[in-house]
């Protein structure tokens, strides 16, 4: 099975007040940390965001082909530039994720008849930490053309398969300075 990995770094970071992807983390940036986790799971990682802003982080960067469309645009961009059958896509702001957990998503992708594999977190499916078959691209492009931009709303259209058993803390997002402070001193820091 051919697969590729992507990290979404193009968000506005409005609640954080500064670019989350470039926050210092474990001797690098949060984006580099996320990319290393993805590499550990599938052997490769690329970033989806502004090449001028993120080009110095050591990973290939693809410009968002659907600017202003949030994470859905980033996921659609990843699928549109990838030649892989299955694509692991995560947001850059979940530092508790592990390569092992992401590897479980890819292992499930190898044996499913679905088109997307989403882990179940405390709040339900986690579409910003999932494996997407490239066949999901038409549904994403259709949703974008109709301005339906919330990933959770279109998950049912992506032939999802859900996986339980993940530590809900794995999906902790760093959205505010308070989140960053609490996570940096909490027991789940990786």
C-alpha atoms as a PDB file:
ATOM      1  CA  UNK A   1       0.000   0.000   0.000  1.00  0.00           C
ATOM      2  CA  UNK A   2       1.324   3.394  -0.945  1.00  0.00           C
ATOM      3  CA  UNK A   3       0.824   6.183   1.539  1.00  0.00           C
ATOM      4  CA  UNK A   4       2.072   9.701   2.250  1.00  0.00           C
ATOM      5  CA  UNK A   5       1.935  12.041   5.216  1.00  0.00           C
ATOM      6  CA  UNK A   6       0.953  15.688   5.513  1.00  0.00           C
ATOM      7  CA  UNK A   7       0.874  18.289   8.280  1.00  0.00           C
ATOM      8  CA  UNK A   8      -1.512  21.237   8.033  1.00  0.00           C
ATOM      9  CA  UNK A   9       0.336  24.435   8.990  1.00  0.00           C
ATOM     10  CA  UNK A  10      -1.678  27.137   7.264  1.00  0.00           C
ATOM     11  CA  UNK A  11      -4.160  28.044   9.990  1.00  0.00           C
ATOM     12  CA  UNK A  12      -4.821  31.560  11.189  1.00  0.00           C
ATOM     13  CA  UNK A  13      -3.877  30.797  14.825  1.00  0.00           C
ATOM     14  CA  UNK A  14      -6.207  33.640  15.841  1.00  0.00           C
ATOM     15  CA  UNK A  15      -6.828  32.334  19.375  1.00  0.00           C
ATOM     16  CA  UNK A  16      -3.114  31.705  19.943  1.00  0.00           C
ATOM     17  CA  UNK A  17      -2.215  35.216  18.803  1.00  0.00           C
ATOM     18  CA  UNK A  18       0.827  33.949  16.892  1.00  0.00           C
ATOM     19  CA  UNK A  19       1.605  31.251  14.366  1.00  0.00           C
ATOM     20  CA  UNK A  20       1.128  27.900  16.128  1.00  0.00           C
ATOM     21  CA  UNK A  21       3.197  26.037  13.561  1.00  0.00           C
ATOM     22  CA  UNK A  22       6.273  28.083  14.461  1.00  0.00           C
ATOM     23  CA  UNK A  23       5.981  27.786  18.249  1.00  0.00           C
ATOM     24  CA  UNK A  24       9.124  26.406  19.868  1.00  0.00           C
ATOM     25  CA  UNK A  25       8.711  22.719  20.733  1.00  0.00           C
ATOM     26  CA  UNK A  26      11.204  19.994  21.653  1.00  0.00           C
ATOM     27  CA  UNK A  27      14.193  21.752  20.131  1.00  0.00           C
ATOM     28  CA  UNK A  28      12.374  22.777  16.955  1.00  0.00           C
ATOM     29  CA  UNK A  29       8.921  24.027  16.088  1.00  0.00           C
ATOM     30  CA  UNK A  30       5.494  22.534  16.635  1.00  0.00           C
ATOM     31  CA  UNK A  31       5.249  21.925  12.864  1.00  0.00           C
ATOM     32  CA  UNK A  32       8.579  20.068  12.823  1.00  0.00           C
ATOM     33  CA  UNK A  33       7.488  17.975  15.812  1.00  0.00           C
ATOM     34  CA  UNK A  34       4.256  17.025  14.013  1.00  0.00           C
ATOM     35  CA  UNK A  35       6.167  16.219  10.819  1.00  0.00           C
ATOM     36  CA  UNK A  36       8.568  13.938  12.724  1.00  0.00           C
ATOM     37  CA  UNK A  37       5.595  12.034  14.162  1.00  0.00           C
ATOM     38  CA  UNK A  38       4.148  11.621  10.658  1.00  0.00           C
ATOM     39  CA  UNK A  39       7.521  10.472   9.268  1.00  0.00           C
ATOM     40  CA  UNK A  40       7.677   7.885  12.056  1.00  0.00           C
ATOM     41  CA  UNK A  41       4.308   6.512  10.987  1.00  0.00           C
ATOM     42  CA  UNK A  42       4.567   6.523   7.212  1.00  0.00           C
ATOM     43  CA  UNK A  43       8.124   7.408   6.206  1.00  0.00           C
ATOM     44  CA  UNK A  44       7.432  10.824   4.693  1.00  0.00           C
ATOM     45  CA  UNK A  45       5.935  14.179   5.592  1.00  0.00           C
ATOM     46  CA  UNK A  46       5.144  17.360   3.735  1.00  0.00           C
ATOM     47  CA  UNK A  47       3.580  20.556   5.003  1.00  0.00           C
ATOM     48  CA  UNK A  48       0.515  22.283   3.576  1.00  0.00           C
ATOM     49  CA  UNK A  49       0.787  26.031   3.996  1.00  0.00           C
ATOM     50  CA  UNK A  50       2.717  29.059   2.774  1.00  0.00           C
ATOM     51  CA  UNK A  51       6.048  27.943   1.231  1.00  0.00           C
ATOM     52  CA  UNK A  52       7.600  31.348   1.965  1.00  0.00           C
ATOM     53  CA  UNK A  53       6.726  31.094   5.653  1.00  0.00           C
ATOM     54  CA  UNK A  54       7.427  27.395   6.238  1.00  0.00           C
ATOM     55  CA  UNK A  55      10.026  26.542   3.602  1.00  0.00           C
ATOM     56  CA  UNK A  56      12.896  26.783   6.093  1.00  0.00           C
ATOM     57  CA  UNK A  57      11.530  24.024   8.358  1.00  0.00           C
ATOM     58  CA  UNK A  58      13.197  21.208   6.438  1.00  0.00           C
ATOM     59  CA  UNK A  59      10.145  19.667   4.781  1.00  0.00           C
ATOM     60  CA  UNK A  60       8.551  20.075   1.373  1.00  0.00           C
ATOM     61  CA  UNK A  61       5.768  22.656   1.545  1.00  0.00           C
ATOM     62  CA  UNK A  62       2.717  22.723  -0.711  1.00  0.00           C
ATOM     63  CA  UNK A  63       0.796  25.974  -1.050  1.00  0.00           C
ATOM     64  CA  UNK A  64      -2.849  25.695  -0.082  1.00  0.00           C
ATOM     65  CA  UNK A  65      -4.817  25.340  -3.327  1.00  0.00           C
ATOM     66  CA  UNK A  66      -8.017  26.348  -1.530  1.00  0.00           C
ATOM     67  CA  UNK A  67      -7.044  29.417   0.530  1.00  0.00           C
ATOM     68  CA  UNK A  68      -9.601  30.656   3.022  1.00  0.00           C
ATOM     69  CA  UNK A  69     -11.278  27.253   3.278  1.00  0.00           C
ATOM     70  CA  UNK A  70      -9.711  26.216   6.582  1.00  0.00           C
ATOM     71  CA  UNK A  71      -8.555  22.675   7.308  1.00  0.00           C
ATOM     72  CA  UNK A  72     -10.807  21.243   4.606  1.00  0.00           C
ATOM     73  CA  UNK A  73      -8.831  23.210   2.020  1.00  0.00           C
ATOM     74  CA  UNK A  74      -5.594  21.871   3.459  1.00  0.00           C
ATOM     75  CA  UNK A  75      -6.797  18.273   3.349  1.00  0.00           C
ATOM     76  CA  UNK A  76      -8.045  18.725  -0.221  1.00  0.00           C
ATOM     77  CA  UNK A  77      -4.678  20.245  -1.151  1.00  0.00           C
ATOM     78  CA  UNK A  78      -2.837  17.261   0.335  1.00  0.00           C
ATOM     79  CA  UNK A  79      -4.977  14.823  -1.644  1.00  0.00           C
ATOM     80  CA  UNK A  80      -4.608  16.865  -4.830  1.00  0.00           C
ATOM     81  CA  UNK A  81      -0.794  16.902  -4.722  1.00  0.00           C
ATOM     82  CA  UNK A  82      -0.288  13.345  -3.508  1.00  0.00           C
ATOM     83  CA  UNK A  83       0.267  10.366  -5.761  1.00  0.00           C
ATOM     84  CA  UNK A  84      -0.306   8.016  -2.815  1.00  0.00           C
ATOM     85  CA  UNK A  85      -3.429   5.926  -2.412  1.00  0.00           C
ATOM     86  CA  UNK A  86      -3.767   6.676   1.325  1.00  0.00           C
ATOM     87  CA  UNK A  87      -2.755   9.964   2.941  1.00  0.00           C
ATOM     88  CA  UNK A  88      -2.218  10.583   6.613  1.00  0.00           C
ATOM     89  CA  UNK A  89      -3.175  14.185   7.448  1.00  0.00           C
ATOM     90  CA  UNK A  90      -2.797  15.857  10.838  1.00  0.00           C
ATOM     91  CA  UNK A  91      -2.967  19.371  12.203  1.00  0.00           C
ATOM     92  CA  UNK A  92       0.271  20.782  13.558  1.00  0.00           C
ATOM     93  CA  UNK A  93      -1.212  21.557  16.973  1.00  0.00           C
ATOM     94  CA  UNK A  94      -1.593  18.079  18.540  1.00  0.00           C
ATOM     95  CA  UNK A  95       1.815  17.421  20.115  1.00  0.00           C
ATOM     96  CA  UNK A  96       0.662  14.407  22.154  1.00  0.00           C
ATOM     97  CA  UNK A  97       0.082  12.306  19.033  1.00  0.00           C
ATOM     98  CA  UNK A  98       2.464   9.411  18.520  1.00  0.00           C
ATOM     99  CA  UNK A  99       3.789   7.694  15.446  1.00  0.00           C
ATOM    100  CA  UNK A 100       2.411   4.449  16.833  1.00  0.00           C
ATOM    101  CA  UNK A 101      -1.147   5.814  17.007  1.00  0.00           C
ATOM    102  CA  UNK A 102      -0.882   7.173  13.466  1.00  0.00           C
ATOM    103  CA  UNK A 103       0.503   3.835  12.316  1.00  0.00           C
ATOM    104  CA  UNK A 104      -2.678   2.161  13.576  1.00  0.00           C
ATOM    105  CA  UNK A 105      -4.714   4.387  11.237  1.00  0.00           C
ATOM    106  CA  UNK A 106      -2.582   3.330   8.271  1.00  0.00           C
ATOM    107  CA  UNK A 107      -2.803  -0.329   9.270  1.00  0.00           C
ATOM    108  CA  UNK A 108      -6.603  -0.037   9.328  1.00  0.00           C
ATOM    109  CA  UNK A 109      -6.523   1.688   5.928  1.00  0.00           C
ATOM    110  CA  UNK A 110      -4.771  -1.376   4.506  1.00  0.00           C
ATOM    111  CA  UNK A 111      -7.691  -3.624   5.413  1.00  0.00           C
ATOM    112  CA  UNK A 112     -10.760  -1.417   5.030  1.00  0.00           C
ATOM    113  CA  UNK A 113     -13.309  -0.902   2.327  1.00  0.00           C
ATOM    114  CA  UNK A 114     -13.858   2.686   3.508  1.00  0.00           C
ATOM    115  CA  UNK A 115     -12.339   5.852   2.099  1.00  0.00           C
ATOM    116  CA  UNK A 116     -11.325   7.515   5.373  1.00  0.00           C
ATOM    117  CA  UNK A 117     -10.101   6.270   8.745  1.00  0.00           C
ATOM    118  CA  UNK A 118     -10.833   8.560  11.682  1.00  0.00           C
ATOM    119  CA  UNK A 119      -9.892   7.948  15.294  1.00  0.00           C
ATOM    120  CA  UNK A 120     -12.548   8.584  17.906  1.00  0.00           C
ATOM    121  CA  UNK A 121     -11.599  11.133  20.536  1.00  0.00           C
ATOM    122  CA  UNK A 122     -13.527  12.423  23.536  1.00  0.00           C
ATOM    123  CA  UNK A 123     -15.634  14.641  21.246  1.00  0.00           C
ATOM    124  CA  UNK A 124     -16.221  12.092  18.493  1.00  0.00           C
ATOM    125  CA  UNK A 125     -14.371  11.639  15.196  1.00  0.00           C
ATOM    126  CA  UNK A 126     -11.071  13.505  14.761  1.00  0.00           C
ATOM    127  CA  UNK A 127     -10.981  14.596  11.092  1.00  0.00           C
ATOM    128  CA  UNK A 128      -7.748  16.587  11.584  1.00  0.00           C
ATOM    129  CA  UNK A 129      -5.899  13.413  12.498  1.00  0.00           C
ATOM    130  CA  UNK A 130      -6.990  10.881   9.924  1.00  0.00           C
ATOM    131  CA  UNK A 131      -6.087   8.769   6.920  1.00  0.00           C
ATOM    132  CA  UNK A 132      -7.833   9.743   3.687  1.00  0.00           C
ATOM    133  CA  UNK A 133      -7.961   7.780   0.471  1.00  0.00           C
ATOM    134  CA  UNK A 134      -7.311   9.962  -2.553  1.00  0.00           C
ATOM    135  CA  UNK A 135     -10.848   9.106  -3.711  1.00  0.00           C
ATOM    136  CA  UNK A 136     -12.103  11.537  -1.021  1.00  0.00           C
ATOM    137  CA  UNK A 137     -10.912  14.501  -3.095  1.00  0.00           C
ATOM    138  CA  UNK A 138     -14.091  14.920  -5.224  1.00  0.00           C
ATOM    139  CA  UNK A 139     -16.306  15.043  -2.115  1.00  0.00           C
ATOM    140  CA  UNK A 140     -14.003  17.620  -0.506  1.00  0.00           C
ATOM    141  CA  UNK A 141     -13.901  19.748  -3.652  1.00  0.00           C
ATOM    142  CA  UNK A 142     -17.708  19.596  -3.908  1.00  0.00           C
ATOM    143  CA  UNK A 143     -18.103  20.678  -0.278  1.00  0.00           C
ATOM    144  CA  UNK A 144     -15.648  23.539  -0.837  1.00  0.00           C
ATOM    145  CA  UNK A 145     -17.533  24.676  -3.952  1.00  0.00           C
ATOM    146  CA  UNK A 146     -20.727  24.709  -1.867  1.00  0.00           C
ATOM    147  CA  UNK A 147     -19.012  26.602   1.007  1.00  0.00           C
ATOM    148  CA  UNK A 148     -19.616  23.699   3.422  1.00  0.00           C
ATOM    149  CA  UNK A 149     -16.265  24.025   5.162  1.00  0.00           C
ATOM    150  CA  UNK A 150     -16.648  22.214   8.503  1.00  0.00           C
ATOM    151  CA  UNK A 151     -14.879  18.870   8.291  1.00  0.00           C
ATOM    152  CA  UNK A 152     -17.097  17.255  10.929  1.00  0.00           C
ATOM    153  CA  UNK A 153     -20.144  18.047   8.792  1.00  0.00           C
ATOM    154  CA  UNK A 154     -18.901  16.195   5.707  1.00  0.00           C
ATOM    155  CA  UNK A 155     -17.287  13.182   7.374  1.00  0.00           C
ATOM    156  CA  UNK A 156     -20.334  11.013   6.507  1.00  0.00           C
ATOM    157  CA  UNK A 157     -19.700  11.753   2.803  1.00  0.00           C
ATOM    158  CA  UNK A 158     -16.142  10.362   3.017  1.00  0.00           C
ATOM    159  CA  UNK A 159     -17.102   6.697   3.605  1.00  0.00           C
ATOM    160  CA  UNK A 160     -15.577   6.793   7.089  1.00  0.00           C
ATOM    161  CA  UNK A 161     -14.409   3.958   9.260  1.00  0.00           C
ATOM    162  CA  UNK A 162     -13.990   4.919  12.902  1.00  0.00           C
ATOM    163  CA  UNK A 163     -11.365   3.563  15.273  1.00  0.00           C
ATOM    164  CA  UNK A 164     -11.791   3.556  19.029  1.00  0.00           C
ATOM    165  CA  UNK A 165      -9.216   2.839  21.688  1.00  0.00           C
ATOM    166  CA  UNK A 166      -7.027   5.929  21.392  1.00  0.00           C
ATOM    167  CA  UNK A 167      -6.035   7.974  24.437  1.00  0.00           C
ATOM    168  CA  UNK A 168      -8.275  11.074  24.187  1.00  0.00           C
ATOM    169  CA  UNK A 169      -5.338  13.197  25.385  1.00  0.00           C
ATOM    170  CA  UNK A 170      -3.591  12.358  22.102  1.00  0.00           C
ATOM    171  CA  UNK A 171      -5.878  14.810  20.339  1.00  0.00           C
ATOM    172  CA  UNK A 172      -5.294  17.751  22.680  1.00  0.00           C
ATOM    173  CA  UNK A 173      -5.150  20.881  20.531  1.00  0.00           C
ATOM    174  CA  UNK A 174      -3.021  23.870  21.413  1.00  0.00           C
ATOM    175  CA  UNK A 175      -5.342  26.730  20.475  1.00  0.00           C
ATOM    176  CA  UNK A 176      -4.605  29.408  23.089  1.00  0.00           C
ATOM    177  CA  UNK A 177      -1.597  30.566  25.120  1.00  0.00           C
ATOM    178  CA  UNK A 178      -3.320  28.971  28.122  1.00  0.00           C
ATOM    179  CA  UNK A 179      -3.527  25.614  26.304  1.00  0.00           C
ATOM    180  CA  UNK A 180       0.171  25.845  25.497  1.00  0.00           C
ATOM    181  CA  UNK A 181       1.089  26.683  29.083  1.00  0.00           C
ATOM    182  CA  UNK A 182      -1.088  23.921  30.553  1.00  0.00           C
ATOM    183  CA  UNK A 183       0.167  21.316  28.077  1.00  0.00           C
ATOM    184  CA  UNK A 184       3.816  22.265  28.474  1.00  0.00           C
ATOM    185  CA  UNK A 185       3.577  21.540  32.203  1.00  0.00           C
ATOM    186  CA  UNK A 186       1.103  18.663  32.067  1.00  0.00           C
ATOM    187  CA  UNK A 187       1.788  14.946  32.331  1.00  0.00           C
ATOM    188  CA  UNK A 188       0.978  14.170  28.685  1.00  0.00           C
ATOM    189  CA  UNK A 189       3.874  16.137  27.144  1.00  0.00           C
ATOM    190  CA  UNK A 190       5.739  13.962  24.686  1.00  0.00           C
END
